[in-house]
Amino acid sequence: MEFSVSVMMAIALIILFSGMVQSAIGFGYALVAMALLPFFLEVKPANLIVSYSAFAPIALAAWVYRKEMARESILLALTSALLALPLGIAVLVYVDDDLLVRLTGFIILAMAIDGLVRKTTVSAESPTSNLWTVIAGAASGFLAGAVTIGGPPIAIYTARQPWSPKKMKAFLTTFLLVVTTIKLFGLMTTNLVNREILFVSALVIPFAFLGGQIGVWISDKINPRLFRYLILGMLSVSSTLMIIRGAPDIEPTGVENTQYKHEAQASVS
């Protein structure tokens, strides 16, 4: 897969911005990246780059909060997530790009609207039922596989638990680390991953870290609620454009070109 200099710069800046948003308001890395990257490259390479570039920051956060982990509470959520993850990856691999862009846009729009209208969740006095643990885990696993946006369902679930902030972060980061790791290995079994994808993903990881540092600085300088609403508003607009337009008219490259050639050869033979 070949990326022009302008596309590479766009990817790096989007990852930088996504890391900044994640650090400033506590969520949004995949939401922001997947709302913007499909305007510059195909949705499937965008999905892969976000997945691989997110691994290092997630792993670092999980390591920082590892001592706060409530191991007994995460097993059920992870089990349901890992059972649903292959279905999500199948959607990523086999669903048409245009439909996948619109699906991603719809999910981002729904989550952005939810963030705009939902009041801060108050933690319950006791843990929620196992049924909700399974539902939240499965939803996150499926969305992580299909559109790389697996955080919100499990984050909403975590916010309902009677846990300290550090314990909540430990649960979230450990959950996302395991799901992301399994997804990355699962993607290796598909024909979507190549050396260029891995190279670009590694190249933009420093931009994610730099964005995180900028986000920490910004969070002390501006009203966090105003910044949150601005970001969610931006996501609402960009996701609406994704739904209306579908996949952008970008010349297929790399893996997709190879796939098209194989299909053409098969049809001729």
Protein backbone atom coordinates (compact mmCIF):
# COMPACT_ATOMS: atom_id res chain seq x y z
CA MET A 1 0.00 0.00 0.00
CA GLU A 2 1.43 3.33 -1.02
CA PHE A 3 0.61 6.59 0.77
CA SER A 4 1.41 10.01 -0.64
CA VAL A 5 3.22 12.56 1.51
CA SER A 6 0.03 14.60 1.91
CA VAL A 7 -1.95 11.55 3.06
CA MET A 8 0.81 10.59 5.50
CA MET A 9 0.76 14.10 6.93
CA ALA A 10 -3.03 13.95 7.25
CA ILE A 11 -2.84 10.59 9.06
CA ALA A 12 -0.19 11.88 11.47
CA LEU A 13 -2.14 15.06 12.25
CA ILE A 14 -5.38 13.13 12.78
CA ILE A 15 -3.66 10.69 15.15
CA LEU A 16 -2.09 13.66 16.97
CA PHE A 17 -5.51 15.30 17.31
CA SER A 18 -7.12 12.01 18.40
CA GLY A 19 -4.51 11.50 21.11
CA MET A 20 -5.05 15.07 22.29
CA VAL A 21 -8.82 14.60 22.53
CA GLN A 22 -8.41 11.26 24.34
CA SER A 23 -6.14 12.84 26.94
CA ALA A 24 -8.14 16.06 27.33
CA ILE A 25 -11.62 14.59 27.84
CA GLY A 26 -10.89 10.95 28.72
CA PHE A 27 -12.21 9.28 25.57
CA GLY A 28 -12.37 9.67 21.81
CA TYR A 29 -9.19 8.28 20.25
CA ALA A 30 -10.92 5.81 17.93
CA LEU A 31 -14.05 7.96 17.61
CA VAL A 32 -12.12 10.97 16.32
CA ALA A 33 -9.67 8.99 14.19
CA MET A 34 -12.37 6.90 12.49
CA ALA A 35 -14.50 10.00 11.91
CA LEU A 36 -11.67 11.75 10.01
CA LEU A 37 -9.36 9.15 8.46
CA PRO A 38 -11.93 7.77 5.96
CA PHE A 39 -11.89 11.17 4.23
CA PHE A 40 -8.25 10.52 3.25
CA LEU A 41 -7.95 6.75 2.79
CA GLU A 42 -10.09 3.64 2.54
CA VAL A 43 -12.02 2.73 5.68
CA LYS A 44 -10.38 -0.67 6.15
CA PRO A 45 -6.77 0.60 6.17
CA ALA A 46 -7.97 3.40 8.46
CA ASN A 47 -9.44 0.79 10.81
CA LEU A 48 -6.16 -1.13 10.86
CA ILE A 49 -3.98 1.93 11.46
CA VAL A 50 -6.15 3.04 14.38
CA SER A 51 -6.13 -0.48 15.84
CA TYR A 52 -2.36 -0.93 15.68
CA SER A 53 -1.43 2.62 16.67
CA ALA A 54 -3.71 2.45 19.72
CA PHE A 55 -2.01 -0.64 21.15
CA ALA A 56 1.01 1.08 22.74
CA PRO A 57 -0.94 3.83 24.57
CA ILE A 58 -3.49 1.28 25.83
CA ALA A 59 -0.75 -1.08 27.01
CA LEU A 60 1.03 1.74 28.83
CA ALA A 61 -2.16 2.83 30.59
CA ALA A 62 -3.01 -0.76 31.55
CA TRP A 63 0.47 -1.18 33.06
CA VAL A 64 0.15 2.05 35.06
CA TYR A 65 -3.17 0.99 36.62
CA ARG A 66 -2.49 -2.78 36.82
CA LYS A 67 -2.48 -2.93 40.65
CA GLU A 68 -6.04 -1.58 40.81
CA MET A 69 -7.45 -4.34 38.60
CA ALA A 70 -10.54 -6.18 39.87
CA ARG A 71 -9.75 -9.52 38.23
CA GLU A 72 -12.91 -11.27 39.31
CA SER A 73 -15.12 -8.73 37.52
CA ILE A 74 -13.39 -8.67 34.14
CA LEU A 75 -13.47 -12.35 33.16
CA LEU A 76 -17.14 -12.43 32.16
CA ALA A 77 -16.91 -9.19 30.19
CA LEU A 78 -13.80 -10.41 28.36
CA THR A 79 -15.31 -13.80 27.59
CA SER A 80 -18.38 -12.27 25.95
CA ALA A 81 -16.22 -9.71 24.13
CA LEU A 82 -13.89 -12.34 22.70
CA LEU A 83 -16.84 -14.44 21.54
CA ALA A 84 -18.31 -11.44 19.68
CA LEU A 85 -14.99 -10.17 18.32
CA PRO A 86 -14.71 -12.66 15.40
CA LEU A 87 -18.13 -11.58 14.15
CA GLY A 88 -16.98 -7.96 14.17
CA ILE A 89 -13.78 -8.84 12.30
CA ALA A 90 -15.86 -10.74 9.74
CA VAL A 91 -17.92 -7.59 9.18
CA LEU A 92 -14.71 -5.60 8.69
CA VAL A 93 -13.32 -8.11 6.18
CA TYR A 94 -16.41 -8.94 4.13
CA VAL A 95 -18.72 -5.93 4.27
CA ASP A 96 -18.52 -3.49 1.34
CA ASP A 97 -16.44 -0.35 2.03
CA ASP A 98 -19.33 2.00 1.29
CA LEU A 99 -21.62 0.23 3.75
CA LEU A 100 -18.83 0.03 6.34
CA VAL A 101 -18.21 3.79 6.13
CA ARG A 102 -21.92 4.49 6.60
CA LEU A 103 -22.13 2.00 9.49
CA THR A 104 -19.10 3.62 11.15
CA GLY A 105 -20.64 7.06 10.64
CA PHE A 106 -23.95 5.94 12.14
CA ILE A 107 -22.24 4.49 15.23
CA ILE A 108 -20.11 7.61 15.73
CA LEU A 109 -23.16 9.86 15.30
CA ALA A 110 -25.17 7.84 17.83
CA MET A 111 -22.36 7.98 20.38
CA ALA A 112 -21.74 11.68 19.78
CA ILE A 113 -25.43 12.49 20.30
CA ASP A 114 -25.47 10.31 23.42
CA GLY A 115 -22.48 12.24 24.75
CA LEU A 116 -24.19 15.56 24.04
CA VAL A 117 -27.52 14.74 25.71
CA ARG A 118 -26.64 12.24 28.44
CA LYS A 119 -25.98 13.60 31.90
CA THR A 120 -23.06 12.36 33.96
CA THR A 121 -23.76 8.84 35.10
CA VAL A 122 -23.92 8.22 38.82
CA SER A 123 -22.34 4.95 39.91
CA ALA A 124 -24.64 2.34 41.34
CA GLU A 125 -24.29 1.30 44.95
CA SER A 126 -23.81 -2.32 43.91
CA PRO A 127 -22.41 -3.99 40.79
CA THR A 128 -24.78 -4.47 37.86
CA SER A 129 -26.07 -7.92 36.91
CA ASN A 130 -24.09 -10.49 34.95
CA LEU A 131 -26.51 -10.02 32.03
CA TRP A 132 -25.42 -6.41 31.57
CA THR A 133 -21.79 -7.48 31.90
CA VAL A 134 -22.28 -9.93 29.02
CA ILE A 135 -24.17 -7.38 26.89
CA ALA A 136 -21.59 -4.64 27.42
CA GLY A 137 -18.69 -6.99 26.76
CA ALA A 138 -20.24 -8.46 23.62
CA ALA A 139 -21.17 -5.03 22.23
CA SER A 140 -17.65 -3.75 22.80
CA GLY A 141 -16.09 -6.85 21.26
CA PHE A 142 -18.25 -6.64 18.14
CA LEU A 143 -17.69 -2.90 17.64
CA ALA A 144 -13.96 -3.25 18.27
CA GLY A 145 -13.75 -5.85 15.53
CA ALA A 146 -16.00 -4.13 13.00
CA VAL A 147 -15.27 -0.42 13.34
CA THR A 148 -12.52 -0.15 16.02
CA ILE A 149 -14.85 1.76 18.36
CA GLY A 150 -15.22 -0.74 21.17
CA GLY A 151 -14.72 1.56 24.14
CA PRO A 152 -18.07 3.32 24.72
CA PRO A 153 -20.28 0.30 25.64
CA ILE A 154 -17.85 -1.03 28.24
CA ALA A 155 -17.12 2.51 29.45
CA ILE A 156 -20.83 3.11 30.11
CA TYR A 157 -20.98 -0.22 31.95
CA THR A 158 -17.91 0.67 34.02
CA ALA A 159 -19.39 4.04 34.99
CA ARG A 160 -22.26 2.17 36.65
CA GLN A 161 -19.97 0.24 39.00
CA PRO A 162 -19.19 1.28 42.60
CA TRP A 163 -15.49 1.60 41.83
CA SER A 164 -12.88 4.26 42.42
CA PRO A 165 -11.65 6.23 39.36
CA LYS A 166 -8.37 4.28 39.34
CA LYS A 167 -10.19 0.96 39.50
CA MET A 168 -12.45 2.04 36.64
CA LYS A 169 -9.42 3.00 34.52
CA ALA A 170 -7.72 -0.30 35.38
CA PHE A 171 -10.80 -2.25 34.27
CA LEU A 172 -11.22 -0.26 31.04
CA THR A 173 -7.59 -0.29 29.97
CA THR A 174 -7.10 -3.99 30.77
CA PHE A 175 -10.29 -4.91 28.94
CA LEU A 176 -9.35 -2.86 25.88
CA LEU A 177 -5.77 -4.17 25.94
CA VAL A 178 -6.88 -7.81 25.83
CA VAL A 179 -9.55 -7.20 23.17
CA THR A 180 -7.16 -5.11 21.06
CA THR A 181 -4.39 -7.71 21.32
CA ILE A 182 -6.67 -10.55 20.23
CA LYS A 183 -8.05 -8.40 17.42
CA LEU A 184 -4.57 -7.60 16.13
CA PHE A 185 -3.69 -11.29 15.99
CA GLY A 186 -7.05 -12.00 14.36
CA LEU A 187 -6.37 -9.38 11.70
CA MET A 188 -3.10 -11.12 10.88
CA THR A 189 -5.14 -14.07 9.58
CA THR A 190 -6.87 -11.84 7.01
CA ASN A 191 -5.55 -10.40 3.77
CA LEU A 192 -5.91 -6.83 5.03
CA VAL A 193 -2.62 -6.45 6.88
CA ASN A 194 0.68 -5.79 5.12
CA ARG A 195 4.06 -4.29 5.96
CA GLU A 196 3.02 -0.80 4.90
CA ILE A 197 0.07 -0.80 7.32
CA LEU A 198 2.34 -1.92 10.16
CA PHE A 199 4.98 0.66 9.20
CA VAL A 200 2.50 3.55 9.12
CA SER A 201 0.95 2.41 12.40
CA ALA A 202 4.35 2.36 14.10
CA LEU A 203 5.24 5.69 12.54
CA VAL A 204 2.21 7.50 14.00
CA ILE A 205 2.47 6.09 17.54
CA PRO A 206 4.74 8.99 18.64
CA PHE A 207 2.09 11.40 17.35
CA ALA A 208 -0.49 9.67 19.58
CA PHE A 209 1.79 10.11 22.60
CA LEU A 210 2.54 13.73 21.69
CA GLY A 211 -1.17 14.41 21.28
CA GLY A 212 -1.73 12.92 24.72
CA GLN A 213 0.76 15.35 26.25
CA ILE A 214 -0.86 18.28 24.45
CA GLY A 215 -4.23 17.12 25.74
CA VAL A 216 -2.97 17.18 29.32
CA TRP A 217 -1.79 20.76 28.81
CA ILE A 218 -5.04 21.83 27.11
CA SER A 219 -7.19 20.31 29.83
CA ASP A 220 -5.67 22.78 32.30
CA LYS A 221 -6.16 25.78 30.01
CA ILE A 222 -9.74 25.52 28.73
CA ASN A 223 -13.17 24.63 30.01
CA PRO A 224 -13.31 20.81 29.68
CA ARG A 225 -17.10 20.79 29.24
CA LEU A 226 -16.91 23.33 26.40
CA PHE A 227 -14.09 21.40 24.73
CA ARG A 228 -16.08 18.17 25.07
CA TYR A 229 -19.13 19.71 23.41
CA LEU A 230 -17.01 21.17 20.60
CA ILE A 231 -15.47 17.77 19.88
CA LEU A 232 -18.80 15.97 20.03
CA GLY A 233 -20.33 18.59 17.74
CA MET A 234 -17.48 18.12 15.27
CA LEU A 235 -17.97 14.35 15.40
CA SER A 236 -21.69 14.78 14.74
CA VAL A 237 -21.00 16.80 11.59
CA SER A 238 -18.25 14.53 10.24
CA SER A 239 -20.21 11.34 10.94
CA THR A 240 -23.28 12.79 9.22
CA LEU A 241 -21.12 13.45 6.16
CA MET A 242 -19.89 9.84 6.32
CA ILE A 243 -23.48 8.57 6.36
CA ILE A 244 -24.52 10.79 3.45
CA ARG A 245 -21.45 10.29 1.27
CA GLY A 246 -20.37 6.76 2.08
CA ALA A 247 -16.93 5.63 0.96
CA PRO A 248 -14.88 8.47 -0.60
CA ASP A 249 -13.72 8.16 -4.19
CA ILE A 250 -10.17 7.05 -3.45
CA GLU A 251 -8.16 4.88 -5.82
CA PRO A 252 -7.78 1.42 -4.23
CA THR A 253 -4.22 0.66 -3.18
CA GLY A 254 -2.11 -2.14 -1.79
CA VAL A 255 -4.05 -5.07 -0.48
CA GLU A 256 -7.28 -3.95 -2.07
CA ASN A 257 -5.67 -3.71 -5.52
CA THR A 258 -4.32 -7.24 -5.10
CA GLN A 259 -7.75 -8.45 -4.10
CA TYR A 260 -9.38 -6.79 -7.11
CA LYS A 261 -6.77 -8.34 -9.43
CA HIS A 262 -7.44 -11.80 -8.03
CA GLU A 263 -11.17 -11.32 -8.50
CA ALA A 264 -10.64 -10.13 -12.06
CA GLN A 265 -8.42 -13.09 -12.87
CA ALA A 266 -10.96 -15.47 -11.38
CA SER A 267 -13.76 -13.98 -13.45
CA VAL A 268 -11.68 -14.31 -16.65
CA SER A 269 -10.75 -17.90 -15.97
